[in-house]
C-alpha atoms as a PDB file:
ATOM      1  CA  MET A   1     218.092-102.679 210.024  1.00  0.00           C
ATOM      2  CA  SER A   2     215.239-101.714 207.651  1.00  0.00           C
ATOM      3  CA  GLN A   3     211.874-102.973 208.524  1.00  0.00           C
ATOM      4  CA  GLU A   4     209.482-104.259 205.835  1.00  0.00           C
ATOM      5  CA  ILE A   5     206.361-102.259 205.195  1.00  0.00           C
ATOM      6  CA  HIS A   6     203.187-103.999 204.105  1.00  0.00           C
ATOM      7  CA  THR A   7     200.362-102.010 202.680  1.00  0.00           C
ATOM      8  CA  GLN A   8     197.007-103.455 203.534  1.00  0.00           C
ATOM      9  CA  VAL A   9     194.981-104.055 200.413  1.00  0.00           C
ATOM     10  CA  THR A  10     191.168-104.572 200.739  1.00  0.00           C
ATOM     11  CA  PRO A  11     189.327-107.269 198.944  1.00  0.00           C
ATOM     12  CA  GLU A  12     187.607-104.575 196.714  1.00  0.00           C
ATOM     13  CA  GLU A  13     190.997-103.095 195.610  1.00  0.00           C
ATOM     14  CA  LEU A  14     192.321-106.631 194.893  1.00  0.00           C
ATOM     15  CA  ALA A  15     189.128-107.445 192.773  1.00  0.00           C
ATOM     16  CA  HIS A  16     189.481-104.306 190.734  1.00  0.00           C
ATOM     17  CA  THR A  17     192.941-105.367 189.619  1.00  0.00           C
ATOM     18  CA  PHE A  18     191.359-108.024 187.664  1.00  0.00           C
ATOM     19  CA  ASP A  19     189.159-105.506 185.817  1.00  0.00           C
ATOM     20  CA  GLU A  20     192.240-103.930 184.077  1.00  0.00           C
ATOM     21  CA  ALA A  21     192.724-104.935 180.542  1.00  0.00           C
ATOM     22  CA  PRO A  22     195.686-107.432 180.062  1.00  0.00           C
ATOM     23  CA  PRO A  23     198.756-106.062 178.497  1.00  0.00           C
ATOM     24  CA  GLU A  24     199.116-106.477 174.782  1.00  0.00           C
ATOM     25  CA  VAL A  25     201.186-109.430 173.581  1.00  0.00           C
ATOM     26  CA  ASP A  26     203.531-108.708 170.859  1.00  0.00           C
ATOM     27  CA  LEU A  27     204.750-111.994 169.266  1.00  0.00           C
ATOM     28  CA  LYS A  28     206.519-110.113 166.343  1.00  0.00           C
ATOM     29  CA  VAL A  29     209.674-109.935 168.381  1.00  0.00           C
ATOM     30  CA  TYR A  30     210.123-113.658 168.127  1.00  0.00           C
ATOM     31  CA  SER A  31     211.629-115.324 165.144  1.00  0.00           C
ATOM     32  CA  PHE A  32     211.270-118.861 163.850  1.00  0.00           C
ATOM     33  CA  GLU A  33     214.407-120.096 165.629  1.00  0.00           C
ATOM     34  CA  ASP A  34     212.876-118.877 168.916  1.00  0.00           C
ATOM     35  CA  TRP A  35     209.772-121.148 168.377  1.00  0.00           C
ATOM     36  CA  VAL A  36     211.982-124.075 167.366  1.00  0.00           C
ATOM     37  CA  THR A  37     214.014-123.458 170.684  1.00  0.00           C
ATOM     38  CA  LEU A  38     210.815-123.394 172.672  1.00  0.00           C
ATOM     39  CA  GLY A  39     209.754-126.631 171.168  1.00  0.00           C
ATOM     40  CA  LEU A  40     213.109-128.206 171.905  1.00  0.00           C
ATOM     41  CA  PHE A  41     212.872-126.878 175.484  1.00  0.00           C
ATOM     42  CA  TRP A  42     209.470-128.581 176.022  1.00  0.00           C
ATOM     43  CA  LEU A  43     210.727-131.757 174.593  1.00  0.00           C
ATOM     44  CA  MET A  44     213.661-131.676 176.886  1.00  0.00           C
ATOM     45  CA  THR A  45     211.447-130.848 179.856  1.00  0.00           C
ATOM     46  CA  GLY A  46     209.067-133.795 178.975  1.00  0.00           C
ATOM     47  CA  CYS A  47     212.253-136.168 178.888  1.00  0.00           C
ATOM     48  CA  VAL A  48     213.508-134.886 182.210  1.00  0.00           C
ATOM     49  CA  PHE A  49     210.058-135.454 183.805  1.00  0.00           C
ATOM     50  CA  LEU A  50     209.841-138.865 182.187  1.00  0.00           C
ATOM     51  CA  GLN A  51     213.246-139.669 183.547  1.00  0.00           C
ATOM     52  CA  PHE A  52     212.378-138.479 187.025  1.00  0.00           C
ATOM     53  CA  PHE A  53     209.007-140.300 187.046  1.00  0.00           C
ATOM     54  CA  THR A  54     210.370-143.670 185.764  1.00  0.00           C
ATOM     55  CA  ARG A  55     213.382-143.461 188.089  1.00  0.00           C
ATOM     56  CA  TYR A  56     211.831-142.439 191.403  1.00  0.00           C
ATOM     57  CA  VAL A  57     208.225-143.411 190.929  1.00  0.00           C
ATOM     58  CA  LEU A  58     208.435-146.674 189.032  1.00  0.00           C
ATOM     59  CA  ASN A  59     211.989-147.547 190.101  1.00  0.00           C
ATOM     60  CA  ASN A  60     212.746-148.534 186.543  1.00  0.00           C
ATOM     61  CA  SER A  61     214.295-145.689 184.525  1.00  0.00           C
ATOM     62  CA  TYR A  62     214.235-145.310 180.812  1.00  0.00           C
ATOM     63  CA  ALA A  63     217.916-144.834 179.713  1.00  0.00           C
ATOM     64  CA  TRP A  64     217.106-143.019 176.592  1.00  0.00           C
ATOM     65  CA  THR A  65     215.424-140.009 178.270  1.00  0.00           C
ATOM     66  CA  GLU A  66     218.713-138.762 179.555  1.00  0.00           C
ATOM     67  CA  GLU A  67     220.456-138.912 176.225  1.00  0.00           C
ATOM     68  CA  ILE A  68     217.519-137.201 174.414  1.00  0.00           C
ATOM     69  CA  ALA A  69     217.284-134.521 176.984  1.00  0.00           C
ATOM     70  CA  VAL A  70     221.064-133.776 176.796  1.00  0.00           C
ATOM     71  CA  ASN A  71     220.728-133.541 172.985  1.00  0.00           C
ATOM     72  CA  CYS A  72     217.764-131.291 173.398  1.00  0.00           C
ATOM     73  CA  LEU A  73     219.801-129.077 175.882  1.00  0.00           C
ATOM     74  CA  ILE A  74     222.501-128.740 173.214  1.00  0.00           C
ATOM     75  CA  GLY A  75     219.995-127.467 170.690  1.00  0.00           C
ATOM     76  CA  VAL A  76     218.315-125.113 173.189  1.00  0.00           C
ATOM     77  CA  VAL A  77     221.704-123.574 174.056  1.00  0.00           C
ATOM     78  CA  PHE A  78     222.997-123.112 170.484  1.00  0.00           C
ATOM     79  CA  LEU A  79     219.578-122.050 168.987  1.00  0.00           C
ATOM     80  CA  GLY A  80     218.974-119.816 171.912  1.00  0.00           C
ATOM     81  CA  SER A  81     222.372-118.127 171.270  1.00  0.00           C
ATOM     82  CA  VAL A  82     220.785-117.114 167.861  1.00  0.00           C
ATOM     83  CA  MET A  83     218.263-115.064 169.699  1.00  0.00           C
ATOM     84  CA  CYS A  84     220.957-113.567 171.816  1.00  0.00           C
ATOM     85  CA  VAL A  85     222.795-112.533 168.673  1.00  0.00           C
ATOM     86  CA  ARG A  86     219.745-111.134 166.987  1.00  0.00           C
ATOM     87  CA  MET A  87     218.818-109.024 170.107  1.00  0.00           C
ATOM     88  CA  SER A  88     222.354-108.126 171.006  1.00  0.00           C
ATOM     89  CA  ARG A  89     221.973-109.832 174.461  1.00  0.00           C
ATOM     90  CA  HIS A  90     225.274-111.732 174.825  1.00  0.00           C
ATOM     91  CA  ILE A  91     227.445-110.657 177.633  1.00  0.00           C
ATOM     92  CA  GLN A  92     229.423-107.509 176.771  1.00  0.00           C
ATOM     93  CA  VAL A  93     231.672-105.190 178.490  1.00  0.00           C
ATOM     94  CA  ASP A  94     230.839-101.529 177.485  1.00  0.00           C
ATOM     95  CA  VAL A  95     232.442 -99.615 180.206  1.00  0.00           C
ATOM     96  CA  LEU A  96     235.306 -98.565 178.037  1.00  0.00           C
ATOM     97  CA  TYR A  97     233.052 -96.934 175.527  1.00  0.00           C
ATOM     98  CA  HIS A  98     232.023 -94.335 178.150  1.00  0.00           C
ATOM     99  CA  TYR A  99     235.634 -93.122 178.532  1.00  0.00           C
ATOM    100  CA  VAL A 100     236.827 -92.802 174.789  1.00  0.00           C
ATOM    101  CA  PRO A 101     235.923 -90.280 172.280  1.00  0.00           C
ATOM    102  CA  PRO A 102     232.822 -91.072 170.295  1.00  0.00           C
ATOM    103  CA  GLN A 103     234.768 -91.483 167.045  1.00  0.00           C
ATOM    104  CA  VAL A 104     236.968 -94.170 168.697  1.00  0.00           C
ATOM    105  CA  ALA A 105     233.899 -95.815 170.310  1.00  0.00           C
ATOM    106  CA  ARG A 106     232.350 -96.112 167.025  1.00  0.00           C
ATOM    107  CA  ALA A 107     235.519 -97.575 165.440  1.00  0.00           C
ATOM    108  CA  MET A 108     235.748-100.140 168.202  1.00  0.00           C
ATOM    109  CA  SER A 109     232.087-101.037 167.845  1.00  0.00           C
ATOM    110  CA  ILE A 110     232.476-101.612 164.141  1.00  0.00           C
ATOM    111  CA  LEU A 111     235.510-103.717 164.862  1.00  0.00           C
ATOM    112  CA  VAL A 112     233.619-105.893 167.323  1.00  0.00           C
ATOM    113  CA  ASP A 113     230.863-106.321 164.676  1.00  0.00           C
ATOM    114  CA  VAL A 114     233.201-107.383 161.994  1.00  0.00           C
ATOM    115  CA  LEU A 115     235.009-109.701 164.426  1.00  0.00           C
ATOM    116  CA  ARG A 116     231.712-111.365 165.455  1.00  0.00           C
ATOM    117  CA  ILE A 117     230.751-111.895 161.798  1.00  0.00           C
ATOM    118  CA  LEU A 118     234.190-113.457 161.198  1.00  0.00           C
ATOM    119  CA  PHE A 119     233.952-115.718 164.271  1.00  0.00           C
ATOM    120  CA  PHE A 120     230.634-117.080 163.297  1.00  0.00           C
ATOM    121  CA  ALA A 121     231.648-117.599 159.730  1.00  0.00           C
ATOM    122  CA  TYR A 122     234.766-119.581 160.957  1.00  0.00           C
ATOM    123  CA  THR A 123     232.742-121.626 163.523  1.00  0.00           C
ATOM    124  CA  SER A 124     230.275-122.520 160.842  1.00  0.00           C
ATOM    125  CA  TRP A 125     232.964-123.695 158.586  1.00  0.00           C
ATOM    126  CA  LEU A 126     234.525-125.497 161.482  1.00  0.00           C
ATOM    127  CA  MET A 127     231.288-127.227 162.361  1.00  0.00           C
ATOM    128  CA  TRP A 128     230.866-128.344 158.624  1.00  0.00           C
ATOM    129  CA  ARG A 129     234.313-129.914 158.679  1.00  0.00           C
ATOM    130  CA  TYR A 130     233.384-131.788 161.930  1.00  0.00           C
ATOM    131  CA  LEU A 131     230.332-132.944 160.436  1.00  0.00           C
ATOM    132  CA  GLU A 132     232.337-134.583 157.663  1.00  0.00           C
ATOM    133  CA  ILE A 133     234.233-136.576 160.215  1.00  0.00           C
ATOM    134  CA  VAL A 134     231.341-137.691 162.523  1.00  0.00           C
ATOM    135  CA  ALA A 135     228.477-137.916 160.023  1.00  0.00           C
ATOM    136  CA  ASP A 136     227.826-141.566 160.601  1.00  0.00           C
ATOM    137  CA  GLU A 137     227.807-141.814 164.386  1.00  0.00           C
ATOM    138  CA  GLU A 138     224.646-143.031 166.136  1.00  0.00           C
ATOM    139  CA  MET A 139     223.128-142.131 169.472  1.00  0.00           C
ATOM    140  CA  VAL A 140     224.071-144.656 172.258  1.00  0.00           C
ATOM    141  CA  THR A 141     220.710-145.471 173.704  1.00  0.00           C
ATOM    142  CA  VAL A 142     218.359-144.740 170.655  1.00  0.00           C
ATOM    143  CA  ALA A 143     218.774-145.905 167.132  1.00  0.00           C
ATOM    144  CA  LEU A 144     218.973-142.344 165.727  1.00  0.00           C
ATOM    145  CA  PRO A 145     221.732-140.680 163.907  1.00  0.00           C
ATOM    146  CA  ARG A 146     223.764-138.286 166.144  1.00  0.00           C
ATOM    147  CA  ASN A 147     224.080-135.910 163.166  1.00  0.00           C
ATOM    148  CA  ILE A 148     220.709-134.530 163.934  1.00  0.00           C
ATOM    149  CA  VAL A 149     222.359-132.761 166.930  1.00  0.00           C
ATOM    150  CA  PHE A 150     225.427-131.709 164.909  1.00  0.00           C
ATOM    151  CA  TYR A 151     223.229-130.232 162.081  1.00  0.00           C
ATOM    152  CA  THR A 152     221.378-128.402 164.653  1.00  0.00           C
ATOM    153  CA  VAL A 153     224.541-126.914 165.948  1.00  0.00           C
ATOM    154  CA  LEU A 154     225.683-126.119 162.381  1.00  0.00           C
ATOM    155  CA  ALA A 155     222.295-124.491 161.543  1.00  0.00           C
ATOM    156  CA  ALA A 156     222.689-122.477 164.775  1.00  0.00           C
ATOM    157  CA  PHE A 157     226.077-121.150 163.874  1.00  0.00           C
ATOM    158  CA  VAL A 158     225.033-120.229 160.273  1.00  0.00           C
ATOM    159  CA  LEU A 159     221.885-118.489 161.820  1.00  0.00           C
ATOM    160  CA  MET A 160     224.263-116.585 164.225  1.00  0.00           C
ATOM    161  CA  PHE A 161     226.391-115.651 161.161  1.00  0.00           C
ATOM    162  CA  PHE A 162     223.350-114.207 159.296  1.00  0.00           C
ATOM    163  CA  ARG A 163     221.960-112.588 162.466  1.00  0.00           C
ATOM    164  CA  SER A 164     225.328-110.897 163.232  1.00  0.00           C
ATOM    165  CA  VAL A 165     225.329-109.492 159.590  1.00  0.00           C
ATOM    166  CA  GLN A 166     221.824-108.231 160.140  1.00  0.00           C
ATOM    167  CA  VAL A 167     222.945-106.661 163.390  1.00  0.00           C
ATOM    168  CA  PHE A 168     225.926-104.989 161.818  1.00  0.00           C
ATOM    169  CA  ILE A 169     223.849-103.550 158.956  1.00  0.00           C
ATOM    170  CA  ALA A 170     221.331-102.227 161.532  1.00  0.00           C
ATOM    171  CA  ASN A 171     224.093-100.758 163.561  1.00  0.00           C
ATOM    172  CA  MET A 172     225.582 -98.912 160.498  1.00  0.00           C
ATOM    173  CA  GLN A 173     222.072 -97.605 159.568  1.00  0.00           C
ATOM    174  CA  ARG A 174     221.408 -96.537 163.070  1.00  0.00           C
ATOM    175  CA  GLY A 175     224.892 -94.965 163.562  1.00  0.00           C
ATOM    176  CA  TYR A 176     225.498 -96.655 166.946  1.00  0.00           C
ATOM    177  CA  SER A 177     225.461-100.058 168.620  1.00  0.00           C
ATOM    178  CA  VAL A 178     224.468-101.438 171.974  1.00  0.00           C
ATOM    179  CA  LEU A 179     228.033-101.086 173.088  1.00  0.00           C
ATOM    180  CA  GLU A 180     227.986 -97.310 172.535  1.00  0.00           C
ATOM    181  CA  ARG A 181     224.517 -96.631 173.923  1.00  0.00           C
ATOM    182  CA  PRO A 182     223.206 -99.511 175.998  1.00  0.00           C
ATOM    183  CA  GLU A 183     220.498 -97.250 177.312  1.00  0.00           C
ATOM    184  CA  GLU A 184     218.850 -97.035 173.951  1.00  0.00           C
ATOM    185  CA  PHE A 185     218.310-100.851 173.862  1.00  0.00           C
ATOM    186  CA  GLN A 186     216.591-101.325 177.217  1.00  0.00           C
ATOM    187  CA  SER A 187     213.023-102.334 177.036  1.00  0.00           C
ATOM    188  CA  ALA A 188     210.291-101.831 179.565  1.00  0.00           C
ATOM    189  CA  GLY A 189     210.515-105.515 180.677  1.00  0.00           C
ATOM    190  CA  ASP A 190     214.115-105.292 181.637  1.00  0.00           C
END
């Protein structure tokens, strides 16, 4: 069994760590949908806290907080997926790309990009068709139209479509994708 080793740190050494300049913050890597997602996340967090507080502290819960939190979660999931498409962070299996010739790997990568674009175009169209069917529904506990959630999901699919087109163009200009060279896409924070 390995034993943990703890290095002693003096108070002076600890104090000097606060003298270092803080790292630079680069907000340019975030897009508008990331900020909308962050806002929805905090709205959801507030609803969950309010639900917890009213249920367990006041013993009289607000029923509407659960529905609003669930709808915010739907928005967070789908709008968060837009960021994953933009940054090529969705789950992917790239082991096969290491064992095939580079030309075959390139062709497979282009095929994946095209299929992803077609998938998001199709799901956007399906969501539009679905909205035509359920456009007049209302939420159960709040007098708000449910299509707020559905339009958010539609917007997310449309944004994923456009972001996948952007990723495809960037991959074509670069000459490789994350599937072919995952090490090129690793950042210092990973």
